[in-house]
Amino acid sequence: MRTWGGLIGISGSPSLIDGGGVTVPTFRMYDPDGKWFREGHGVDPDVEVPEDYGQLAKGVDVQLERGITEVMKALAAQPPVYPKHPAYEKR
């Protein structure tokens, strides 16, 4: 399912003397096309898998399982290519 959409980040928040804190937005993300991501929308999935809380209570994460299935299919279709190690140079 779509992610929650918190795309404006907070980092390095100082603590106050009374234990409270102050937060200030310090960064935001943009896509490969150079457009800002819309705050609060999140990322739409390539494959939509509804959460199954009954299965999750039994220790089965259907979203994770489907993700693993998709990655394994992609790896089978296009296996990784490992570069050959060049011969050692004589110096």
PDB file of N, CA and C in Angstrom:
ATOM      1  N   MET A   1       0.844  -1.176   0.000  1.00  0.00           N
ATOM      2  CA  MET A   1       0.000   0.000   0.000  1.00  0.00           C
ATOM      3  C   MET A   1       0.891   1.243   0.000  1.00  0.00           C
ATOM      4  N   ARG A   2       0.296   2.366  -0.234  1.00  0.00           N
ATOM      5  CA  ARG A   2       1.060   3.616  -0.298  1.00  0.00           C
ATOM      6  C   ARG A   2       1.711   3.916   1.058  1.00  0.00           C
ATOM      7  N   THR A   3       2.933   4.462   1.011  1.00  0.00           N
ATOM      8  CA  THR A   3       3.614   4.841   2.247  1.00  0.00           C
ATOM      9  C   THR A   3       2.921   6.050   2.875  1.00  0.00           C
ATOM     10  N   TRP A   4       3.244   6.340   4.103  1.00  0.00           N
ATOM     11  CA  TRP A   4       2.524   7.375   4.851  1.00  0.00           C
ATOM     12  C   TRP A   4       2.791   8.794   4.372  1.00  0.00           C
ATOM     13  N   GLY A   5       3.923   9.064   3.772  1.00  0.00           N
ATOM     14  CA  GLY A   5       4.111  10.349   3.113  1.00  0.00           C
ATOM     15  C   GLY A   5       4.825  11.433   3.876  1.00  0.00           C
ATOM     16  N   GLY A   6       5.527  11.092   4.948  1.00  0.00           N
ATOM     17  CA  GLY A   6       6.304  12.100   5.663  1.00  0.00           C
ATOM     18  C   GLY A   6       7.590  12.351   4.921  1.00  0.00           C
ATOM     19  N   LEU A   7       7.629  13.382   4.102  1.00  0.00           N
ATOM     20  CA  LEU A   7       8.775  13.602   3.238  1.00  0.00           C
ATOM     21  C   LEU A   7       9.589  14.838   3.588  1.00  0.00           C
ATOM     22  N   ILE A   8       9.167  15.589   4.573  1.00  0.00           N
ATOM     23  CA  ILE A   8       9.961  16.722   5.032  1.00  0.00           C
ATOM     24  C   ILE A   8      10.603  16.286   6.336  1.00  0.00           C
ATOM     25  N   GLY A   9      11.925  16.251   6.364  1.00  0.00           N
ATOM     26  CA  GLY A   9      12.624  15.655   7.482  1.00  0.00           C
ATOM     27  C   GLY A   9      13.088  16.631   8.535  1.00  0.00           C
ATOM     28  N   ILE A  10      13.242  16.077   9.720  1.00  0.00           N
ATOM     29  CA  ILE A  10      13.725  16.832  10.868  1.00  0.00           C
ATOM     30  C   ILE A  10      14.975  16.119  11.366  1.00  0.00           C
ATOM     31  N   SER A  11      16.048  16.857  11.562  1.00  0.00           N
ATOM     32  CA  SER A  11      17.259  16.247  12.108  1.00  0.00           C
ATOM     33  C   SER A  11      17.976  17.257  12.983  1.00  0.00           C
ATOM     34  N   GLY A  12      18.719  16.743  13.941  1.00  0.00           N
ATOM     35  CA  GLY A  12      19.499  17.610  14.811  1.00  0.00           C
ATOM     36  C   GLY A  12      18.660  18.525  15.682  1.00  0.00           C
ATOM     37  N   SER A  13      17.542  18.018  16.212  1.00  0.00           N
ATOM     38  CA  SER A  13      16.661  18.838  17.045  1.00  0.00           C
ATOM     39  C   SER A  13      17.269  19.047  18.430  1.00  0.00           C
ATOM     40  N   PRO A  14      17.455  20.279  18.828  1.00  0.00           N
ATOM     41  CA  PRO A  14      18.051  20.529  20.151  1.00  0.00           C
ATOM     42  C   PRO A  14      17.044  20.307  21.279  1.00  0.00           C
ATOM     43  N   SER A  15      17.538  19.828  22.398  1.00  0.00           N
ATOM     44  CA  SER A  15      16.700  19.672  23.587  1.00  0.00           C
ATOM     45  C   SER A  15      16.703  20.977  24.376  1.00  0.00           C
ATOM     46  N   LEU A  16      15.579  21.255  25.023  1.00  0.00           N
ATOM     47  CA  LEU A  16      15.484  22.436  25.869  1.00  0.00           C
ATOM     48  C   LEU A  16      15.819  22.067  27.302  1.00  0.00           C
ATOM     49  N   ILE A  17      16.114  23.042  28.117  1.00  0.00           N
ATOM     50  CA  ILE A  17      16.535  22.807  29.494  1.00  0.00           C
ATOM     51  C   ILE A  17      15.459  22.117  30.332  1.00  0.00           C
ATOM     52  N   ASP A  18      14.175  22.311  29.952  1.00  0.00           N
ATOM     53  CA  ASP A  18      13.088  21.693  30.714  1.00  0.00           C
ATOM     54  C   ASP A  18      12.710  20.313  30.193  1.00  0.00           C
ATOM     55  N   GLY A  19      13.506  19.774  29.252  1.00  0.00           N
ATOM     56  CA  GLY A  19      13.235  18.439  28.714  1.00  0.00           C
ATOM     57  C   GLY A  19      12.397  18.471  27.445  1.00  0.00           C
ATOM     58  N   GLY A  20      11.874  19.617  27.093  1.00  0.00           N
ATOM     59  CA  GLY A  20      11.105  19.744  25.858  1.00  0.00           C
ATOM     60  C   GLY A  20      12.028  19.804  24.661  1.00  0.00           C
ATOM     61  N   GLY A  21      11.481  20.122  23.533  1.00  0.00           N
ATOM     62  CA  GLY A  21      12.298  20.193  22.332  1.00  0.00           C
ATOM     63  C   GLY A  21      11.687  21.108  21.295  1.00  0.00           C
ATOM     64  N   VAL A  22      12.488  21.462  20.343  1.00  0.00           N
ATOM     65  CA  VAL A  22      12.063  22.300  19.231  1.00  0.00           C
ATOM     66  C   VAL A  22      12.428  21.552  17.956  1.00  0.00           C
ATOM     67  N   THR A  23      11.486  21.476  17.033  1.00  0.00           N
ATOM     68  CA  THR A  23      11.785  20.825  15.760  1.00  0.00           C
ATOM     69  C   THR A  23      11.660  21.837  14.629  1.00  0.00           C
ATOM     70  N   VAL A  24      12.541  21.705  13.670  1.00  0.00           N
ATOM     71  CA  VAL A  24      12.542  22.590  12.517  1.00  0.00           C
ATOM     72  C   VAL A  24      12.763  21.722  11.286  1.00  0.00           C
ATOM     73  N   PRO A  25      11.898  21.829  10.265  1.00  0.00           N
ATOM     74  CA  PRO A  25      12.134  21.065   9.041  1.00  0.00           C
ATOM     75  C   PRO A  25      13.475  21.447   8.431  1.00  0.00           C
ATOM     76  N   THR A  26      14.284  20.456   8.091  1.00  0.00           N
ATOM     77  CA  THR A  26      15.613  20.750   7.584  1.00  0.00           C
ATOM     78  C   THR A  26      15.883  20.209   6.180  1.00  0.00           C
ATOM     79  N   PHE A  27      15.061  19.289   5.687  1.00  0.00           N
ATOM     80  CA  PHE A  27      15.279  18.808   4.330  1.00  0.00           C
ATOM     81  C   PHE A  27      13.980  18.291   3.732  1.00  0.00           C
ATOM     82  N   ARG A  28      13.965  18.192   2.408  1.00  0.00           N
ATOM     83  CA  ARG A  28      12.810  17.702   1.673  1.00  0.00           C
ATOM     84  C   ARG A  28      13.322  16.903   0.483  1.00  0.00           C
ATOM     85  N   MET A  29      12.517  15.973  -0.016  1.00  0.00           N
ATOM     86  CA  MET A  29      12.964  15.113  -1.107  1.00  0.00           C
ATOM     87  C   MET A  29      12.313  15.485  -2.435  1.00  0.00           C
ATOM     88  N   TYR A  30      13.048  15.222  -3.506  1.00  0.00           N
ATOM     89  CA  TYR A  30      12.505  15.422  -4.848  1.00  0.00           C
ATOM     90  C   TYR A  30      12.762  14.166  -5.670  1.00  0.00           C
ATOM     91  N   ASP A  31      11.986  14.024  -6.750  1.00  0.00           N
ATOM     92  CA  ASP A  31      12.070  12.819  -7.577  1.00  0.00           C
ATOM     93  C   ASP A  31      13.170  12.940  -8.630  1.00  0.00           C
ATOM     94  N   PRO A  32      13.437  11.849  -9.368  1.00  0.00           N
ATOM     95  CA  PRO A  32      14.497  11.893 -10.381  1.00  0.00           C
ATOM     96  C   PRO A  32      14.274  12.934 -11.481  1.00  0.00           C
ATOM     97  N   ASP A  33      13.024  13.391 -11.661  1.00  0.00           N
ATOM     98  CA  ASP A  33      12.733  14.416 -12.654  1.00  0.00           C
ATOM     99  C   ASP A  33      12.933  15.830 -12.119  1.00  0.00           C
ATOM    100  N   GLY A  34      13.335  15.957 -10.843  1.00  0.00           N
ATOM    101  CA  GLY A  34      13.568  17.264 -10.248  1.00  0.00           C
ATOM    102  C   GLY A  34      12.317  17.934  -9.714  1.00  0.00           C
ATOM    103  N   LYS A  35      11.244  17.164  -9.499  1.00  0.00           N
ATOM    104  CA  LYS A  35      10.016  17.726  -8.934  1.00  0.00           C
ATOM    105  C   LYS A  35       9.938  17.345  -7.457  1.00  0.00           C
ATOM    106  N   TRP A  36       9.463  18.283  -6.630  1.00  0.00           N
ATOM    107  CA  TRP A  36       9.313  18.013  -5.205  1.00  0.00           C
ATOM    108  C   TRP A  36       8.216  16.970  -4.991  1.00  0.00           C
ATOM    109  N   PHE A  37       8.484  16.016  -4.092  1.00  0.00           N
ATOM    110  CA  PHE A  37       7.440  15.062  -3.701  1.00  0.00           C
ATOM    111  C   PHE A  37       6.376  15.817  -2.928  1.00  0.00           C
ATOM    112  N   ARG A  38       5.137  15.413  -3.093  1.00  0.00           N
ATOM    113  CA  ARG A  38       4.024  16.052  -2.397  1.00  0.00           C
ATOM    114  C   ARG A  38       3.964  15.550  -0.950  1.00  0.00           C
ATOM    115  N   GLU A  39       4.122  16.428   0.003  1.00  0.00           N
ATOM    116  CA  GLU A  39       4.082  16.067   1.426  1.00  0.00           C
ATOM    117  C   GLU A  39       2.734  15.463   1.776  1.00  0.00           C
ATOM    118  N   GLY A  40       2.768  14.353   2.503  1.00  0.00           N
ATOM    119  CA  GLY A  40       1.546  13.708   2.979  1.00  0.00           C
ATOM    120  C   GLY A  40       0.935  12.713   2.001  1.00  0.00           C
ATOM    121  N   HIS A  41       1.471  12.599   0.793  1.00  0.00           N
ATOM    122  CA  HIS A  41       0.909  11.650  -0.174  1.00  0.00           C
ATOM    123  C   HIS A  41       1.597  10.304  -0.108  1.00  0.00           C
ATOM    124  N   GLY A  42       2.878  10.255   0.055  1.00  0.00           N
ATOM    125  CA  GLY A  42       3.604   8.990   0.084  1.00  0.00           C
ATOM    126  C   GLY A  42       3.909   8.481  -1.310  1.00  0.00           C
ATOM    127  N   VAL A  43       4.420   7.269  -1.363  1.00  0.00           N
ATOM    128  CA  VAL A  43       4.815   6.649  -2.623  1.00  0.00           C
ATOM    129  C   VAL A  43       3.792   5.586  -2.985  1.00  0.00           C
ATOM    130  N   ASP A  44       3.250   5.678  -4.202  1.00  0.00           N
ATOM    131  CA  ASP A  44       2.298   4.680  -4.680  1.00  0.00           C
ATOM    132  C   ASP A  44       3.052   3.399  -5.031  1.00  0.00           C
ATOM    133  N   PRO A  45       2.478   2.247  -4.693  1.00  0.00           N
ATOM    134  CA  PRO A  45       3.174   0.978  -4.944  1.00  0.00           C
ATOM    135  C   PRO A  45       3.099   0.550  -6.403  1.00  0.00           C
ATOM    136  N   ASP A  46       4.088  -0.213  -6.828  1.00  0.00           N
ATOM    137  CA  ASP A  46       4.028  -0.846  -8.143  1.00  0.00           C
ATOM    138  C   ASP A  46       3.038  -2.006  -8.097  1.00  0.00           C
ATOM    139  N   VAL A  47       3.020  -2.721  -6.963  1.00  0.00           N
ATOM    140  CA  VAL A  47       2.098  -3.837  -6.749  1.00  0.00           C
ATOM    141  C   VAL A  47       1.358  -3.556  -5.444  1.00  0.00           C
ATOM    142  N   GLU A  48       0.052  -3.425  -5.517  1.00  0.00           N
ATOM    143  CA  GLU A  48      -0.729  -3.116  -4.321  1.00  0.00           C
ATOM    144  C   GLU A  48      -1.109  -4.405  -3.598  1.00  0.00           C
ATOM    145  N   VAL A  49      -0.713  -4.503  -2.324  1.00  0.00           N
ATOM    146  CA  VAL A  49      -1.025  -5.670  -1.502  1.00  0.00           C
ATOM    147  C   VAL A  49      -1.653  -5.157  -0.213  1.00  0.00           C
ATOM    148  N   PRO A  50      -2.974  -5.331  -0.054  1.00  0.00           N
ATOM    149  CA  PRO A  50      -3.635  -4.861   1.169  1.00  0.00           C
ATOM    150  C   PRO A  50      -3.081  -5.557   2.411  1.00  0.00           C
ATOM    151  N   GLU A  51      -3.013  -4.815   3.501  1.00  0.00           N
ATOM    152  CA  GLU A  51      -2.558  -5.367   4.777  1.00  0.00           C
ATOM    153  C   GLU A  51      -3.565  -6.401   5.265  1.00  0.00           C
ATOM    154  N   ASP A  52      -3.076  -7.512   5.790  1.00  0.00           N
ATOM    155  CA  ASP A  52      -3.935  -8.555   6.351  1.00  0.00           C
ATOM    156  C   ASP A  52      -3.571  -8.690   7.832  1.00  0.00           C
ATOM    157  N   TYR A  53      -4.333  -8.004   8.680  1.00  0.00           N
ATOM    158  CA  TYR A  53      -3.992  -7.957  10.114  1.00  0.00           C
ATOM    159  C   TYR A  53      -4.153  -9.306  10.794  1.00  0.00           C
ATOM    160  N   GLY A  54      -5.060 -10.147  10.312  1.00  0.00           N
ATOM    161  CA  GLY A  54      -5.211 -11.491  10.861  1.00  0.00           C
ATOM    162  C   GLY A  54      -3.958 -12.317  10.645  1.00  0.00           C
ATOM    163  N   GLN A  55      -3.415 -12.251   9.429  1.00  0.00           N
ATOM    164  CA  GLN A  55      -2.174 -12.967   9.129  1.00  0.00           C
ATOM    165  C   GLN A  55      -0.999 -12.353   9.879  1.00  0.00           C
ATOM    166  N   LEU A  56      -0.988 -11.031   9.975  1.00  0.00           N
ATOM    167  CA  LEU A  56       0.091 -10.344  10.675  1.00  0.00           C
ATOM    168  C   LEU A  56       0.130 -10.753  12.150  1.00  0.00           C
ATOM    169  N   ALA A  57      -1.045 -10.940  12.754  1.00  0.00           N
ATOM    170  CA  ALA A  57      -1.118 -11.387  14.155  1.00  0.00           C
ATOM    171  C   ALA A  57      -0.537 -12.789  14.318  1.00  0.00           C
ATOM    172  N   LYS A  58      -0.536 -13.559  13.234  1.00  0.00           N
ATOM    173  CA  LYS A  58       0.022 -14.917  13.261  1.00  0.00           C
ATOM    174  C   LYS A  58       1.499 -14.927  12.871  1.00  0.00           C
ATOM    175  N   GLY A  59       2.053 -13.733  12.639  1.00  0.00           N
ATOM    176  CA  GLY A  59       3.467 -13.638  12.295  1.00  0.00           C
ATOM    177  C   GLY A  59       3.746 -13.708  10.808  1.00  0.00           C
ATOM    178  N   VAL A  60       2.708 -13.580   9.983  1.00  0.00           N
ATOM    179  CA  VAL A  60       2.885 -13.622   8.529  1.00  0.00           C
ATOM    180  C   VAL A  60       2.606 -12.234   7.965  1.00  0.00           C
ATOM    181  N   ASP A  61       3.601 -11.641   7.338  1.00  0.00           N
ATOM    182  CA  ASP A  61       3.461 -10.314   6.739  1.00  0.00           C
ATOM    183  C   ASP A  61       3.253 -10.506   5.242  1.00  0.00           C
ATOM    184  N   VAL A  62       1.992 -10.411   4.790  1.00  0.00           N
ATOM    185  CA  VAL A  62       1.685 -10.679   3.384  1.00  0.00           C
ATOM    186  C   VAL A  62       2.358  -9.678   2.448  1.00  0.00           C
ATOM    187  N   GLN A  63       2.537  -8.444   2.892  1.00  0.00           N
ATOM    188  CA  GLN A  63       3.204  -7.450   2.055  1.00  0.00           C
ATOM    189  C   GLN A  63       4.680  -7.797   1.881  1.00  0.00           C
ATOM    190  N   LEU A  64       5.325  -8.180   2.967  1.00  0.00           N
ATOM    191  CA  LEU A  64       6.732  -8.573   2.895  1.00  0.00           C
ATOM    192  C   LEU A  64       6.891  -9.821   2.033  1.00  0.00           C
ATOM    193  N   GLU A  65       6.028 -10.802   2.220  1.00  0.00           N
ATOM    194  CA  GLU A  65       6.094 -12.034   1.438  1.00  0.00           C
ATOM    195  C   GLU A  65       5.931 -11.746  -0.055  1.00  0.00           C
ATOM    196  N   ARG A  66       4.999 -10.878  -0.413  1.00  0.00           N
ATOM    197  CA  ARG A  66       4.798 -10.539  -1.820  1.00  0.00           C
ATOM    198  C   ARG A  66       6.003  -9.787  -2.360  1.00  0.00           C
ATOM    199  N   GLY A  67       6.578  -8.912  -1.539  1.00  0.00           N
ATOM    200  CA  GLY A  67       7.781  -8.198  -1.954  1.00  0.00           C
ATOM    201  C   GLY A  67       8.923  -9.156  -2.255  1.00  0.00           C
ATOM    202  N   ILE A  68       9.100 -10.146  -1.400  1.00  0.00           N
ATOM    203  CA  ILE A  68      10.153 -11.152  -1.615  1.00  0.00           C
ATOM    204  C   ILE A  68       9.884 -11.924  -2.895  1.00  0.00           C
ATOM    205  N   THR A  69       8.625 -12.298  -3.124  1.00  0.00           N
ATOM    206  CA  THR A  69       8.253 -13.011  -4.354  1.00  0.00           C
ATOM    207  C   THR A  69       8.591 -12.179  -5.586  1.00  0.00           C
ATOM    208  N   GLU A  70       8.264 -10.879  -5.552  1.00  0.00           N
ATOM    209  CA  GLU A  70       8.532  -9.999  -6.688  1.00  0.00           C
ATOM    210  C   GLU A  70      10.029  -9.843  -6.940  1.00  0.00           C
ATOM    211  N   VAL A  71      10.812  -9.709  -5.880  1.00  0.00           N
ATOM    212  CA  VAL A  71      12.264  -9.568  -6.034  1.00  0.00           C
ATOM    213  C   VAL A  71      12.863 -10.849  -6.606  1.00  0.00           C
ATOM    214  N   MET A  72      12.400 -12.006  -6.130  1.00  0.00           N
ATOM    215  CA  MET A  72      12.926 -13.272  -6.636  1.00  0.00           C
ATOM    216  C   MET A  72      12.590 -13.455  -8.115  1.00  0.00           C
ATOM    217  N   LYS A  73      11.378 -13.038  -8.531  1.00  0.00           N
ATOM    218  CA  LYS A  73      11.007 -13.106  -9.953  1.00  0.00           C
ATOM    219  C   LYS A  73      11.906 -12.183 -10.781  1.00  0.00           C
ATOM    220  N   ALA A  74      12.148 -10.982 -10.276  1.00  0.00           N
ATOM    221  CA  ALA A  74      12.998 -10.030 -11.000  1.00  0.00           C
ATOM    222  C   ALA A  74      14.425 -10.550 -11.121  1.00  0.00           C
ATOM    223  N   LEU A  75      14.933 -11.175 -10.060  1.00  0.00           N
ATOM    224  CA  LEU A  75      16.286 -11.742 -10.109  1.00  0.00           C
ATOM    225  C   LEU A  75      16.366 -12.913 -11.072  1.00  0.00           C
ATOM    226  N   ALA A  76      15.295 -13.721 -11.150  1.00  0.00           N
ATOM    227  CA  ALA A  76      15.280 -14.846 -12.084  1.00  0.00           C
ATOM    228  C   ALA A  76      15.250 -14.340 -13.522  1.00  0.00           C
ATOM    229  N   ALA A  77      14.499 -13.258 -13.759  1.00  0.00           N
ATOM    230  CA  ALA A  77      14.395 -12.704 -15.104  1.00  0.00           C
ATOM    231  C   ALA A  77      15.679 -11.991 -15.531  1.00  0.00           C
ATOM    232  N   GLN A  78      16.354 -11.380 -14.571  1.00  0.00           N
ATOM    233  CA  GLN A  78      17.581 -10.652 -14.884  1.00  0.00           C
ATOM    234  C   GLN A  78      18.581 -10.867 -13.754  1.00  0.00           C
ATOM    235  N   PRO A  79      19.318 -11.987 -13.810  1.00  0.00           N
ATOM    236  CA  PRO A  79      20.267 -12.288 -12.736  1.00  0.00           C
ATOM    237  C   PRO A  79      21.360 -11.229 -12.643  1.00  0.00           C
ATOM    238  N   PRO A  80      21.944 -11.103 -11.458  1.00  0.00           N
ATOM    239  CA  PRO A  80      23.028 -10.126 -11.312  1.00  0.00           C
ATOM    240  C   PRO A  80      24.235 -10.516 -12.165  1.00  0.00           C
ATOM    241  N   VAL A  81      24.962  -9.518 -12.610  1.00  0.00           N
ATOM    242  CA  VAL A  81      26.175  -9.737 -13.391  1.00  0.00           C
ATOM    243  C   VAL A  81      27.352  -9.368 -12.503  1.00  0.00           C
ATOM    244  N   TYR A  82      28.247 -10.317 -12.328  1.00  0.00           N
ATOM    245  CA  TYR A  82      29.422 -10.075 -11.501  1.00  0.00           C
ATOM    246  C   TYR A  82      30.610  -9.823 -12.421  1.00  0.00           C
ATOM    247  N   PRO A  83      31.284  -8.693 -12.258  1.00  0.00           N
ATOM    248  CA  PRO A  83      32.427  -8.403 -13.126  1.00  0.00           C
ATOM    249  C   PRO A  83      33.570  -9.374 -12.865  1.00  0.00           C
ATOM    250  N   LYS A  84      34.316  -9.665 -13.927  1.00  0.00           N
ATOM    251  CA  LYS A  84      35.483 -10.530 -13.780  1.00  0.00           C
ATOM    252  C   LYS A  84      36.593  -9.739 -13.095  1.00  0.00           C
ATOM    253  N   HIS A  85      37.313 -10.420 -12.258  1.00  0.00           N
ATOM    254  CA  HIS A  85      38.447  -9.796 -11.577  1.00  0.00           C
ATOM    255  C   HIS A  85      39.584  -9.667 -12.568  1.00  0.00           C
ATOM    256  N   PRO A  86      40.121  -8.451 -12.731  1.00  0.00           N
ATOM    257  CA  PRO A  86      41.244  -8.301 -13.670  1.00  0.00           C
ATOM    258  C   PRO A  86      42.505  -8.959 -13.111  1.00  0.00           C
ATOM    259  N   ALA A  87      43.407  -9.263 -14.023  1.00  0.00           N
ATOM    260  CA  ALA A  87      44.676  -9.829 -13.592  1.00  0.00           C
ATOM    261  C   ALA A  87      45.424  -8.787 -12.752  1.00  0.00           C
ATOM    262  N   TYR A  88      46.169  -9.278 -11.776  1.00  0.00           N
ATOM    263  CA  TYR A  88      46.946  -8.364 -10.944  1.00  0.00           C
ATOM    264  C   TYR A  88      48.076  -7.752 -11.779  1.00  0.00           C
ATOM    265  N   GLU A  89      48.326  -6.500 -11.534  1.00  0.00           N
ATOM    266  CA  GLU A  89      49.383  -5.799 -12.224  1.00  0.00           C
ATOM    267  C   GLU A  89      50.748  -6.195 -11.656  1.00  0.00           C
ATOM    268  N   LYS A  90      51.713  -6.234 -12.521  1.00  0.00           N
ATOM    269  CA  LYS A  90      53.100  -6.481 -12.058  1.00  0.00           C
ATOM    270  C   LYS A  90      53.757  -5.124 -11.913  1.00  0.00           C
ATOM    271  N   ARG A  91      54.153  -4.798 -10.724  1.00  0.00           N
ATOM    272  CA  ARG A  91      54.763  -3.480 -10.472  1.00  0.00           C
ATOM    273  C   ARG A  91      56.145  -3.626  -9.935  1.00  0.00           C
TER     274      ARG A  91
END
